[in-house]
Amino acid sequence: GNFIQQRFKELARRWREETIAISSPQKRYLNENYLRILRLGEEVVPFIINELRRKPDDWFFALRHLTGENPVTDEDRGDFRRVTNAWLRWAQEKRL
């Protein structure tokens, strides 16, 4: 648990640093640090949710990929705040 959490934090920090000036979500998702986070598996979902609460960022692809779920409605899609809130509600229902 703790090793994965530390690894996640380090990769998340690097991902942010390396993609801060990139606006394309696709390019941000293809950053090697984001891909490494995906490879850590669903164990990182609670850490991603904590990041989303603390410092919202584009974790949506990772969440969809790791959970196999998508709580975002068509009307919320494209609205960063509403998409974030949809995932936070989902996390609350799952007790994460």
Protein backbone atom coordinates (compact mmCIF):
# COMPACT_ATOMS: atom_id res chain seq x y z
CA GLY A 1 0.00 0.00 0.00
CA ASN A 2 2.52 2.60 1.14
CA PHE A 3 5.02 1.85 -1.64
CA ILE A 4 2.29 2.22 -4.26
CA GLN A 5 1.13 5.47 -2.67
CA GLN A 6 4.65 6.94 -2.71
CA ARG A 7 5.17 5.77 -6.28
CA PHE A 8 1.86 7.30 -7.31
CA LYS A 9 2.70 10.64 -5.67
CA GLU A 10 6.07 10.79 -7.40
CA LEU A 11 4.64 9.89 -10.82
CA ALA A 12 1.75 12.36 -10.38
CA ARG A 13 4.20 15.13 -9.50
CA ARG A 14 6.35 14.38 -12.55
CA TRP A 15 3.28 14.15 -14.78
CA ARG A 16 2.10 17.58 -13.67
CA GLU A 17 5.55 19.11 -14.14
CA GLU A 18 6.04 17.65 -17.59
CA THR A 19 2.57 18.43 -18.93
CA ILE A 20 1.82 21.78 -17.31
CA ALA A 21 2.10 23.64 -20.63
CA ILE A 22 0.24 21.00 -22.66
CA SER A 23 -3.45 21.67 -23.23
CA SER A 24 -4.24 18.54 -25.27
CA PRO A 25 -5.69 15.88 -22.94
CA GLN A 26 -4.55 13.14 -25.33
CA LYS A 27 -0.94 14.32 -25.14
CA ARG A 28 -1.19 14.57 -21.35
CA TYR A 29 -2.52 10.99 -21.16
CA LEU A 30 0.33 9.71 -23.31
CA ASN A 31 2.96 11.12 -20.98
CA GLU A 32 5.04 8.21 -19.67
CA ASN A 33 4.31 9.08 -16.02
CA TYR A 34 0.54 8.93 -16.58
CA LEU A 35 0.95 5.58 -18.35
CA ARG A 36 3.07 4.30 -15.45
CA ILE A 37 0.29 5.30 -13.06
CA LEU A 38 -2.15 3.23 -15.14
CA ARG A 39 0.20 0.26 -14.89
CA LEU A 40 0.09 0.45 -11.08
CA GLY A 41 -3.48 -0.86 -11.39
CA GLU A 42 -6.74 -0.20 -9.59
CA GLU A 43 -5.00 -0.01 -6.22
CA VAL A 44 -4.22 3.64 -7.08
CA VAL A 45 -7.88 4.65 -7.54
CA PRO A 46 -8.23 5.94 -3.93
CA PHE A 47 -5.04 7.99 -4.37
CA ILE A 48 -6.37 9.48 -7.61
CA ILE A 49 -9.64 10.36 -5.86
CA ASN A 50 -7.69 12.09 -3.08
CA GLU A 51 -5.77 14.07 -5.69
CA LEU A 52 -9.04 15.02 -7.35
CA ARG A 53 -10.38 16.31 -4.02
CA ARG A 54 -7.19 18.15 -3.14
CA LYS A 55 -6.03 19.49 -6.48
CA PRO A 56 -8.40 18.78 -9.37
CA ASP A 57 -6.66 17.72 -12.54
CA ASP A 58 -7.45 15.57 -15.54
CA TRP A 59 -7.51 12.12 -13.96
CA PHE A 60 -10.66 11.13 -15.83
CA PHE A 61 -9.08 8.85 -18.43
CA ALA A 62 -7.19 6.99 -15.70
CA LEU A 63 -10.35 6.60 -13.60
CA ARG A 64 -12.37 5.27 -16.54
CA HIS A 65 -9.56 2.91 -17.47
CA LEU A 66 -8.89 1.60 -13.96
CA THR A 67 -12.49 1.26 -12.77
CA GLY A 68 -14.23 0.31 -16.02
CA GLU A 69 -16.88 2.86 -15.05
CA ASN A 70 -17.94 6.28 -16.22
CA PRO A 71 -20.32 8.22 -13.95
CA VAL A 72 -20.21 11.29 -16.20
CA THR A 73 -23.47 12.14 -17.96
CA ASP A 74 -23.61 13.46 -21.51
CA GLU A 75 -24.63 16.89 -20.27
CA ASP A 76 -21.67 17.04 -17.86
CA ARG A 77 -19.11 15.97 -20.45
CA GLY A 78 -16.73 18.76 -21.38
CA ASP A 79 -17.33 20.71 -18.17
CA PHE A 80 -14.28 20.12 -15.98
CA ARG A 81 -15.96 21.02 -12.70
CA ARG A 82 -19.03 18.88 -13.36
CA VAL A 83 -16.95 15.92 -14.51
CA THR A 84 -14.82 16.24 -11.35
CA ASN A 85 -17.96 16.35 -9.20
CA ALA A 86 -19.41 13.30 -10.95
CA TRP A 87 -16.30 11.28 -10.08
CA LEU A 88 -16.26 12.58 -6.49
CA ARG A 89 -19.91 11.53 -6.06
CA TRP A 90 -19.05 8.13 -7.52
CA ALA A 91 -16.18 7.81 -5.03
CA GLN A 92 -18.46 8.72 -2.13
CA GLU A 93 -20.93 6.01 -3.16
CA LYS A 94 -18.05 3.52 -3.30
CA ARG A 95 -16.80 4.74 0.11
CA LEU A 96 -13.43 5.80 -1.31
